[in-house]
């Protein structure tokens, strides 16, 4: 969890809109903004919401201090009168949305912000930068978890993205079902279990592979994981067991034709009496290579580049649109963009998922009316599971969704939600969203 102001985690045009709206008197119109995805990344059948908890913390820190205001003044971004307004800015509105870890589909109203236009519009960039990246990582990670068939997966992609994204990716992957991360800051900030032992450099440092293995075992004990493919894998496995004994925790393989290599290593370990020594593989894995290893004697996976880049889709395609505002008469007015291929549906919304008798999801229902906040639409229908929860009231985040506890809650919720999805959701072949989205 980072500290300091988040007020400049935004784009210039958001502040210039506020500047103009303050000038013409529309800045304080009560407004409703919505974050949603028009479509899923190509071939994906569901998405996983992630980033909500850290977004709420960023919104609470969205304040303009002296340094931020001086920068805006030097850059002549807004008028002095607007700088005075920004000096007192604190988000005081309400936010509703899907719980972190929830599955989502095209059109799902993932986040709804109700506040004055000026208060809410400035949050567009921070909302989308968090939800687009984190949800993309979580959606890719969930696919990997589903094909790992219960085998542990560790996130180890920090060196394949920037330092801030590395922490966010570790958090999102953990929520999606990964078991650990190599990133220590993610462990400190979000309470995620960390893992890691040695790289090839440690072996190359020593005069021999055996010397490196002896040093590692002496430092970390025989339960450690030894990397056996620096030189020759067969010889590396033999040396590892000779040094650590048959109680060696695991060997790691980071190269080669993995199905063939893993089978040979398992046979060799068993022949040496190391029947409880596990095999971890880490060689540029993604959901497809993990699925291809489903029949191999792999005990654990480590995934780097693919997970931190959303397995080819580093952004989830979410947008942030004004969908309703108060008119001069005080009544709500539905508004919507009508551009070609960029249509949005105006109005205040609520959402629920229809489940059949087996508690399998069959339809995403979006109710356009008085929501979010009311559940009159769901009162008499036990087949509907409400999806939107209050995340922030009068500018204060619900602590249940933030911090370490929020991460654990999101992880648990994701596991429950996956049990609801039809089996077709977990196929890796190209396909449409596994359930349709309907508007009422």
Protein backbone atom coordinates (compact mmCIF):
# COMPACT_ATOMS: atom_id res chain seq x y z
CA UNK A 1 0.00 0.00 0.00
CA UNK A 2 1.67 3.22 -1.14
CA UNK A 3 1.34 6.58 0.58
CA UNK A 4 1.29 10.17 -0.58
CA UNK A 5 -1.07 12.09 -2.80
CA UNK A 6 -2.70 10.38 -5.77
CA UNK A 7 -4.14 13.62 -7.16
CA UNK A 8 -1.91 13.76 -10.23
CA UNK A 9 -2.68 10.17 -11.21
CA UNK A 10 -4.97 11.74 -13.78
CA UNK A 11 -5.02 13.30 -17.24
CA UNK A 12 -4.90 17.02 -17.87
CA UNK A 13 -8.25 17.14 -19.64
CA UNK A 14 -10.06 16.06 -16.50
CA UNK A 15 -8.88 19.18 -14.71
CA UNK A 16 -9.62 21.44 -17.67
CA UNK A 17 -13.17 20.04 -17.78
CA UNK A 18 -13.55 20.87 -14.10
CA UNK A 19 -12.14 24.35 -14.77
CA UNK A 20 -14.71 25.01 -17.50
CA UNK A 21 -17.57 23.47 -15.52
CA UNK A 22 -16.80 25.63 -12.49
CA UNK A 23 -16.84 28.65 -14.77
CA UNK A 24 -20.25 27.90 -16.33
CA UNK A 25 -21.92 26.59 -13.15
CA UNK A 26 -22.37 22.91 -14.12
CA UNK A 27 -19.56 21.54 -11.96
CA UNK A 28 -21.83 20.80 -9.01
CA UNK A 29 -24.53 18.91 -10.89
CA UNK A 30 -25.03 15.55 -9.24
CA UNK A 31 -23.79 12.93 -11.68
CA UNK A 32 -23.47 9.19 -12.08
CA UNK A 33 -20.40 7.74 -13.80
CA UNK A 34 -20.03 4.07 -14.65
CA UNK A 35 -17.05 1.85 -15.46
CA UNK A 36 -17.78 -1.14 -17.70
CA UNK A 37 -16.37 -3.20 -20.54
CA UNK A 38 -18.17 -3.19 -23.88
CA UNK A 39 -16.59 -6.55 -24.72
CA UNK A 40 -14.17 -9.09 -23.32
CA UNK A 41 -10.70 -9.53 -24.82
CA UNK A 42 -10.90 -11.73 -27.90
CA UNK A 43 -11.50 -15.37 -27.04
CA UNK A 44 -12.17 -14.78 -23.34
CA UNK A 45 -15.41 -16.15 -21.90
CA UNK A 46 -15.41 -14.23 -18.61
CA UNK A 47 -13.39 -11.60 -16.78
CA UNK A 48 -12.37 -11.25 -13.14
CA UNK A 49 -12.66 -7.92 -11.33
CA UNK A 50 -9.45 -6.89 -9.58
CA UNK A 51 -7.92 -3.71 -8.25
CA UNK A 52 -10.97 -2.47 -6.37
CA UNK A 53 -9.36 -2.46 -2.94
CA UNK A 54 -6.28 -0.53 -3.95
CA UNK A 55 -8.43 1.84 -6.04
CA UNK A 56 -10.49 2.77 -2.99
CA UNK A 57 -7.30 3.58 -1.09
CA UNK A 58 -6.06 5.74 -3.98
CA UNK A 59 -9.34 7.67 -4.05
CA UNK A 60 -9.03 8.40 -0.33
CA UNK A 61 -5.56 9.80 -1.07
CA UNK A 62 -6.75 11.86 -4.04
CA UNK A 63 -5.90 15.23 -2.45
CA UNK A 64 -4.10 18.27 -3.83
CA UNK A 65 -1.29 19.35 -1.55
CA UNK A 66 1.05 22.33 -1.93
CA UNK A 67 3.39 20.49 -4.33
CA UNK A 68 0.57 19.36 -6.61
CA UNK A 69 -1.03 22.79 -6.66
CA UNK A 70 2.29 24.52 -7.37
CA UNK A 71 2.89 22.20 -10.33
CA UNK A 72 -0.54 22.99 -11.75
CA UNK A 73 0.09 26.70 -11.24
CA UNK A 74 3.48 26.58 -12.98
CA UNK A 75 2.01 24.64 -15.91
CA UNK A 76 -1.01 27.00 -16.20
CA UNK A 77 -3.35 23.99 -16.25
CA UNK A 78 -6.35 25.72 -14.65
CA UNK A 79 -7.39 29.16 -13.42
CA UNK A 80 -6.41 30.40 -9.95
CA UNK A 81 -10.04 30.11 -8.83
CA UNK A 82 -10.01 26.42 -9.75
CA UNK A 83 -6.74 25.93 -7.86
CA UNK A 84 -8.49 27.29 -4.78
CA UNK A 85 -11.28 24.75 -5.29
CA UNK A 86 -8.79 21.92 -5.78
CA UNK A 87 -7.01 22.85 -2.56
CA UNK A 88 -10.13 21.81 -0.66
CA UNK A 89 -10.93 18.78 -2.84
CA UNK A 90 -11.82 15.53 -1.17
CA UNK A 91 -14.05 12.95 -2.78
CA UNK A 92 -17.25 12.90 -0.74
CA UNK A 93 -19.51 10.81 -2.94
CA UNK A 94 -20.70 7.21 -2.99
CA UNK A 95 -19.28 4.30 -4.95
CA UNK A 96 -21.05 1.03 -5.69
CA UNK A 97 -19.70 -1.85 -7.67
CA UNK A 98 -18.99 -5.52 -8.18
CA UNK A 99 -16.96 -7.07 -5.39
CA UNK A 100 -13.31 -7.62 -6.11
CA UNK A 101 -12.87 -11.20 -7.31
CA UNK A 102 -16.30 -11.20 -8.99
CA UNK A 103 -16.71 -12.50 -12.54
CA UNK A 104 -17.89 -9.94 -15.08
CA UNK A 105 -19.19 -9.88 -18.64
CA UNK A 106 -19.77 -7.30 -21.40
CA UNK A 107 -21.94 -4.49 -20.07
CA UNK A 108 -21.55 -5.38 -16.40
CA UNK A 109 -21.74 -2.10 -14.40
CA UNK A 110 -18.51 -2.82 -12.53
CA UNK A 111 -18.22 0.51 -10.74
CA UNK A 112 -20.69 3.36 -10.28
CA UNK A 113 -19.63 6.71 -8.86
CA UNK A 114 -22.25 9.15 -7.61
CA UNK A 115 -21.04 12.65 -6.79
CA UNK A 116 -20.90 16.11 -8.28
CA UNK A 117 -19.57 16.20 -11.83
CA UNK A 118 -16.37 17.91 -10.70
CA UNK A 119 -15.69 15.45 -7.89
CA UNK A 120 -16.30 12.36 -10.02
CA UNK A 121 -14.85 13.23 -13.43
CA UNK A 122 -11.34 13.67 -12.03
CA UNK A 123 -11.28 10.01 -11.01
CA UNK A 124 -11.66 8.64 -14.55
CA UNK A 125 -7.98 7.97 -15.21
CA UNK A 126 -7.16 6.44 -11.85
CA UNK A 127 -10.26 4.23 -12.02
CA UNK A 128 -9.43 2.94 -15.48
CA UNK A 129 -5.69 2.58 -14.97
CA UNK A 130 -6.30 0.39 -11.92
CA UNK A 131 -9.27 -1.67 -13.10
CA UNK A 132 -8.01 -2.16 -16.66
CA UNK A 133 -4.63 -3.51 -15.64
CA UNK A 134 -5.51 -5.43 -12.50
CA UNK A 135 -8.59 -7.05 -14.05
CA UNK A 136 -6.61 -8.04 -17.13
CA UNK A 137 -3.97 -9.75 -14.96
CA UNK A 138 -6.60 -11.42 -12.77
CA UNK A 139 -8.55 -12.66 -15.79
CA UNK A 140 -5.44 -14.22 -17.33
CA UNK A 141 -4.34 -15.64 -13.99
CA UNK A 142 -7.75 -17.22 -13.39
CA UNK A 143 -7.43 -19.08 -16.70
CA UNK A 144 -4.05 -20.41 -15.63
CA UNK A 145 -5.41 -21.50 -12.27
CA UNK A 146 -8.30 -23.34 -13.90
CA UNK A 147 -6.00 -25.45 -16.11
CA UNK A 148 -3.43 -26.06 -13.35
CA UNK A 149 -5.92 -28.52 -11.83
CA UNK A 150 -5.13 -27.67 -8.23
CA UNK A 151 -1.35 -27.54 -8.59
CA UNK A 152 0.23 -24.46 -6.95
CA UNK A 153 1.22 -21.51 -9.13
CA UNK A 154 3.58 -18.71 -8.16
CA UNK A 155 3.71 -15.26 -9.77
CA UNK A 156 7.27 -14.27 -10.69
CA UNK A 157 6.95 -11.60 -13.38
CA UNK A 158 8.34 -8.51 -11.62
CA UNK A 159 11.22 -8.22 -14.08
CA UNK A 160 8.82 -8.14 -17.01
CA UNK A 161 6.89 -5.00 -16.07
CA UNK A 162 7.49 -1.72 -14.24
CA UNK A 163 7.97 -1.67 -10.49
CA UNK A 164 4.48 -0.41 -9.63
CA UNK A 165 2.74 -2.80 -11.99
CA UNK A 166 4.78 -5.66 -10.56
CA UNK A 167 3.17 -5.14 -7.16
CA UNK A 168 -0.31 -4.70 -8.64
CA UNK A 169 0.11 -7.81 -10.79
CA UNK A 170 1.17 -9.94 -7.84
CA UNK A 171 -1.90 -8.77 -5.93
CA UNK A 172 -4.27 -9.44 -8.84
CA UNK A 173 -2.80 -12.86 -9.55
CA UNK A 174 -3.12 -13.86 -5.89
CA UNK A 175 -6.78 -12.82 -5.87
CA UNK A 176 -7.27 -14.95 -9.00
CA UNK A 177 -5.92 -18.04 -7.26
CA UNK A 178 -2.12 -17.92 -7.52
CA UNK A 179 -0.48 -19.16 -4.33
CA UNK A 180 2.54 -16.89 -3.91
CA UNK A 181 4.67 -14.16 -5.46
CA UNK A 182 8.39 -13.55 -5.79
CA UNK A 183 7.83 -9.82 -5.13
CA UNK A 184 8.67 -8.84 -1.56
CA UNK A 185 6.93 -5.46 -1.69
CA UNK A 186 3.71 -7.19 -2.73
CA UNK A 187 4.15 -9.43 0.29
CA UNK A 188 4.65 -6.49 2.61
CA UNK A 189 1.94 -4.28 1.14
CA UNK A 190 -0.80 -6.85 0.61
CA UNK A 191 0.03 -9.85 2.81
CA UNK A 192 0.71 -12.20 -0.10
CA UNK A 193 2.94 -15.25 0.61
CA UNK A 194 6.38 -14.88 -0.98
CA UNK A 195 8.69 -17.51 -2.44
CA UNK A 196 12.08 -17.85 -4.12
CA UNK A 197 15.44 -19.53 -3.67
CA UNK A 198 18.17 -19.10 -6.33
CA UNK A 199 18.73 -18.23 -9.99
CA UNK A 200 21.25 -19.52 -12.50
CA UNK A 201 23.63 -16.74 -11.44
CA UNK A 202 24.09 -18.41 -8.06
CA UNK A 203 25.22 -21.64 -9.69
CA UNK A 204 27.50 -19.78 -12.10
CA UNK A 205 29.06 -17.90 -9.19
CA UNK A 206 30.51 -21.10 -7.78
CA UNK A 207 33.33 -23.25 -9.09
CA UNK A 208 30.93 -26.15 -9.61
CA UNK A 209 27.26 -26.96 -9.56
CA UNK A 210 27.86 -29.17 -6.56
CA UNK A 211 29.45 -26.32 -4.62
CA UNK A 212 26.47 -24.09 -5.37
CA UNK A 213 23.99 -26.75 -4.27
CA UNK A 214 25.93 -27.38 -1.05
CA UNK A 215 25.96 -23.68 -0.23
CA UNK A 216 22.21 -23.36 -0.84
CA UNK A 217 21.32 -26.45 1.20
CA UNK A 218 23.55 -25.28 4.05
CA UNK A 219 21.79 -21.91 4.07
CA UNK A 220 18.20 -22.97 3.42
CA UNK A 221 18.06 -26.63 4.44
CA UNK A 222 17.27 -29.76 2.41
CA UNK A 223 13.67 -28.67 1.92
CA UNK A 224 14.83 -26.01 -0.54
CA UNK A 225 14.33 -26.03 -4.31
CA UNK A 226 17.43 -26.58 -6.43
CA UNK A 227 17.63 -25.26 -9.99
CA UNK A 228 18.98 -28.18 -12.00
CA UNK A 229 19.18 -26.97 -15.62
CA UNK A 230 22.15 -24.59 -15.58
CA UNK A 231 24.31 -27.18 -17.35
CA UNK A 232 22.98 -30.70 -17.86
CA UNK A 233 19.62 -31.59 -16.30
CA UNK A 234 20.27 -35.28 -15.73
CA UNK A 235 23.61 -34.58 -14.08
CA UNK A 236 22.05 -31.70 -12.14
CA UNK A 237 19.35 -33.95 -10.68
CA UNK A 238 21.94 -36.57 -9.68
CA UNK A 239 24.10 -33.91 -8.01
CA UNK A 240 21.10 -32.38 -6.23
CA UNK A 241 20.10 -35.66 -4.60
CA UNK A 242 23.67 -36.55 -3.74
CA UNK A 243 24.07 -33.19 -1.99
CA UNK A 244 20.67 -32.77 -0.35
CA UNK A 245 19.59 -36.38 0.04
CA UNK A 246 16.31 -37.99 -0.88
CA UNK A 247 14.39 -35.49 1.27
CA UNK A 248 15.21 -32.62 -1.10
CA UNK A 249 12.13 -30.39 -1.30
CA UNK A 250 12.03 -29.77 -5.03
CA UNK A 251 13.95 -29.33 -8.24
CA UNK A 252 13.20 -26.51 -10.66
CA UNK A 253 13.34 -26.78 -14.45
CA UNK A 254 13.47 -23.59 -16.51
CA UNK A 255 14.19 -24.86 -20.03
CA UNK A 256 13.77 -27.65 -22.54
CA UNK A 257 10.86 -29.59 -23.99
CA UNK A 258 8.99 -29.59 -20.71
CA UNK A 259 6.69 -32.63 -21.10
CA UNK A 260 9.63 -34.82 -22.10
CA UNK A 261 12.07 -33.34 -19.59
CA UNK A 262 9.63 -33.49 -16.67
CA UNK A 263 8.83 -37.15 -17.32
CA UNK A 264 12.52 -38.02 -17.43
CA UNK A 265 13.28 -36.07 -14.25
CA UNK A 266 10.43 -37.74 -12.37
CA UNK A 267 11.68 -41.15 -13.40
CA UNK A 268 15.22 -40.24 -12.36
CA UNK A 269 14.15 -38.85 -8.98
CA UNK A 270 12.12 -41.97 -8.23
CA UNK A 271 15.02 -44.21 -9.23
CA UNK A 272 17.26 -42.30 -6.80
CA UNK A 273 14.76 -42.77 -3.99
CA UNK A 274 13.64 -39.13 -3.97
CA UNK A 275 9.98 -40.03 -4.44
CA UNK A 276 8.75 -37.05 -2.41
CA UNK A 277 10.94 -34.48 -4.17
CA UNK A 278 8.66 -32.19 -6.17
CA UNK A 279 9.16 -30.79 -9.66
CA UNK A 280 8.56 -27.11 -10.36
CA UNK A 281 8.61 -25.73 -13.90
CA UNK A 282 9.05 -22.07 -14.84
CA UNK A 283 9.91 -21.72 -18.54
CA UNK A 284 7.82 -18.88 -20.13
CA UNK A 285 4.56 -20.52 -19.13
CA UNK A 286 1.06 -19.37 -20.06
CA UNK A 287 -2.37 -20.99 -19.79
CA UNK A 288 -1.78 -23.03 -22.95
CA UNK A 289 1.56 -24.51 -21.89
CA UNK A 290 0.17 -25.21 -18.41
CA UNK A 291 -2.77 -27.04 -19.99
CA UNK A 292 -0.35 -29.01 -22.18
CA UNK A 293 1.44 -30.15 -19.01
CA UNK A 294 -1.74 -31.38 -17.32
CA UNK A 295 -0.75 -35.01 -17.83
CA UNK A 296 2.89 -34.52 -16.87
CA UNK A 297 4.22 -35.15 -13.33
CA UNK A 298 4.56 -31.44 -12.56
CA UNK A 299 3.97 -30.43 -8.94
CA UNK A 300 4.06 -26.63 -9.22
CA UNK A 301 4.35 -23.81 -11.73
CA UNK A 302 6.01 -20.40 -11.80
CA UNK A 303 4.63 -17.86 -14.28
CA UNK A 304 6.23 -14.55 -15.23
CA UNK A 305 5.78 -12.58 -18.44
CA UNK A 306 2.42 -14.02 -19.43
CA UNK A 307 0.59 -13.19 -16.23
CA UNK A 308 1.90 -9.63 -15.78
CA UNK A 309 0.96 -8.82 -19.39
CA UNK A 310 -2.54 -10.26 -19.16
CA UNK A 311 -1.50 -13.14 -21.42
CA UNK A 312 -1.59 -10.95 -24.49
CA UNK A 313 -4.19 -8.44 -23.26
CA UNK A 314 -2.51 -5.95 -20.89
CA UNK A 315 -5.70 -3.87 -20.62
CA UNK A 316 -9.21 -5.18 -20.07
CA UNK A 317 -10.88 -2.65 -22.37
CA UNK A 318 -12.92 -0.91 -19.67
CA UNK A 319 -14.34 2.58 -20.17
CA UNK A 320 -15.70 5.25 -17.83
CA UNK A 321 -18.82 7.09 -18.93
CA UNK A 322 -21.32 9.60 -17.58
CA UNK A 323 -24.65 7.75 -17.62
CA UNK A 324 -26.97 10.07 -15.66
CA UNK A 325 -27.09 13.59 -14.21
CA UNK A 326 -29.53 15.83 -12.44
CA UNK A 327 -31.45 18.25 -14.63
CA UNK A 328 -32.31 21.82 -13.71
CA UNK A 329 -35.58 20.51 -12.27
CA UNK A 330 -33.72 18.17 -9.91
CA UNK A 331 -34.79 15.01 -11.73
CA UNK A 332 -32.35 12.44 -13.05
CA UNK A 333 -31.64 12.59 -16.78
CA UNK A 334 -30.24 9.51 -18.52
CA UNK A 335 -27.36 10.32 -20.87
CA UNK A 336 -25.36 8.07 -23.20
CA UNK A 337 -22.72 8.24 -25.90
CA UNK A 338 -24.05 7.28 -29.33
CA UNK A 339 -20.84 7.10 -31.38
CA UNK A 340 -20.49 4.25 -33.89
CA UNK A 341 -19.09 1.09 -32.23
CA UNK A 342 -18.85 2.96 -28.93
CA UNK A 343 -22.43 2.92 -27.74
CA UNK A 344 -23.18 3.11 -24.05
CA UNK A 345 -26.46 2.64 -22.21
CA UNK A 346 -27.52 5.50 -20.01
CA UNK A 347 -29.31 5.36 -16.70
CA UNK A 348 -28.77 4.33 -13.10
CA UNK A 349 -28.24 0.59 -12.93
CA UNK A 350 -28.29 -2.40 -10.66
CA UNK A 351 -27.16 -5.90 -11.54
CA UNK A 352 -27.76 -9.52 -10.63
CA UNK A 353 -26.77 -12.92 -11.94
CA UNK A 354 -29.42 -15.50 -12.67
CA UNK A 355 -28.56 -18.98 -11.39
CA UNK A 356 -30.33 -22.20 -12.29
CA UNK A 357 -31.34 -24.96 -9.85
CA UNK A 358 -27.77 -26.26 -9.76
CA UNK A 359 -26.53 -22.75 -8.85
CA UNK A 360 -24.91 -22.40 -12.26
CA UNK A 361 -24.84 -18.92 -13.79
CA UNK A 362 -27.07 -18.54 -16.85
CA UNK A 363 -27.57 -14.80 -17.38
CA UNK A 364 -26.24 -11.40 -16.33
CA UNK A 365 -29.17 -9.04 -15.72
CA UNK A 366 -28.69 -5.28 -15.69
CA UNK A 367 -31.67 -3.32 -14.36
CA UNK A 368 -31.93 0.27 -15.58
CA UNK A 369 -33.96 2.34 -13.12
CA UNK A 370 -33.29 3.59 -9.61
CA UNK A 371 -30.11 1.66 -8.82
CA UNK A 372 -27.62 1.15 -7.47
CA UNK A 373 -28.66 0.89 -3.87
CA UNK A 374 -32.07 -0.73 -4.07
CA UNK A 375 -32.84 -4.38 -4.58
CA UNK A 376 -36.55 -4.24 -5.28
CA UNK A 377 -35.92 -6.03 -8.56
CA UNK A 378 -34.50 -9.04 -6.67
CA UNK A 379 -36.84 -9.29 -3.71
CA UNK A 380 -39.12 -12.05 -5.02
CA UNK A 381 -36.66 -14.05 -7.11
CA UNK A 382 -34.36 -16.48 -5.30
CA UNK A 383 -32.63 -17.33 -8.57
CA UNK A 384 -31.00 -13.87 -8.71
CA UNK A 385 -27.76 -13.14 -6.88
CA UNK A 386 -27.24 -9.36 -6.39
CA UNK A 387 -23.86 -8.23 -7.67
CA UNK A 388 -23.40 -4.61 -6.61
CA UNK A 389 -22.27 -3.67 -3.11
CA UNK A 390 -21.52 -0.30 -1.46
CA UNK A 391 -17.77 0.26 -1.63
CA UNK A 392 -17.54 3.86 -0.45
CA UNK A 393 -20.00 6.06 1.47
CA UNK A 394 -19.55 9.83 1.61
CA UNK A 395 -15.94 9.45 0.57
CA UNK A 396 -15.05 6.74 3.09
CA UNK A 397 -14.08 3.30 1.84
CA UNK A 398 -15.60 0.20 3.41
CA UNK A 399 -12.64 -1.33 5.27
CA UNK A 400 -13.88 -4.83 4.40
CA UNK A 401 -12.59 -4.28 0.85
CA UNK A 402 -9.20 -2.68 1.56
CA UNK A 403 -5.84 -3.72 2.98
CA UNK A 404 -4.71 -7.27 3.66
CA UNK A 405 -8.20 -8.34 4.74
CA UNK A 406 -9.68 -7.04 1.50
CA UNK A 407 -7.23 -9.09 -0.55
CA UNK A 408 -8.11 -12.26 1.34
CA UNK A 409 -11.83 -11.57 1.00
CA UNK A 410 -11.47 -10.98 -2.75
CA UNK A 411 -9.49 -14.20 -3.14
CA UNK A 412 -12.15 -16.19 -1.30
CA UNK A 413 -14.95 -14.55 -3.29
CA UNK A 414 -13.25 -15.37 -6.60
CA UNK A 415 -13.02 -19.03 -5.59
CA UNK A 416 -16.75 -19.11 -4.80
CA UNK A 417 -17.73 -17.35 -8.02
CA UNK A 418 -15.77 -19.77 -10.17
CA UNK A 419 -17.97 -22.57 -8.83
CA UNK A 420 -20.99 -20.82 -10.38
CA UNK A 421 -19.68 -20.52 -13.92
CA UNK A 422 -20.71 -23.07 -16.57
CA UNK A 423 -18.00 -25.57 -17.46
CA UNK A 424 -17.70 -23.95 -20.89
CA UNK A 425 -16.18 -20.88 -19.20
CA UNK A 426 -12.92 -22.74 -18.66
CA UNK A 427 -12.30 -23.83 -22.23
CA UNK A 428 -9.23 -22.17 -23.71
CA UNK A 429 -10.51 -22.22 -27.29
CA UNK A 430 -11.96 -19.07 -28.76
CA UNK A 431 -15.53 -18.30 -27.79
CA UNK A 432 -17.99 -15.65 -26.72
CA UNK A 433 -18.93 -14.66 -23.17
CA UNK A 434 -20.17 -17.79 -21.41
CA UNK A 435 -23.43 -16.13 -20.35
CA UNK A 436 -25.38 -13.32 -22.04
CA UNK A 437 -25.99 -9.85 -20.61
CA UNK A 438 -29.60 -8.65 -20.70
CA UNK A 439 -31.04 -5.25 -19.84
CA UNK A 440 -34.33 -4.75 -18.04
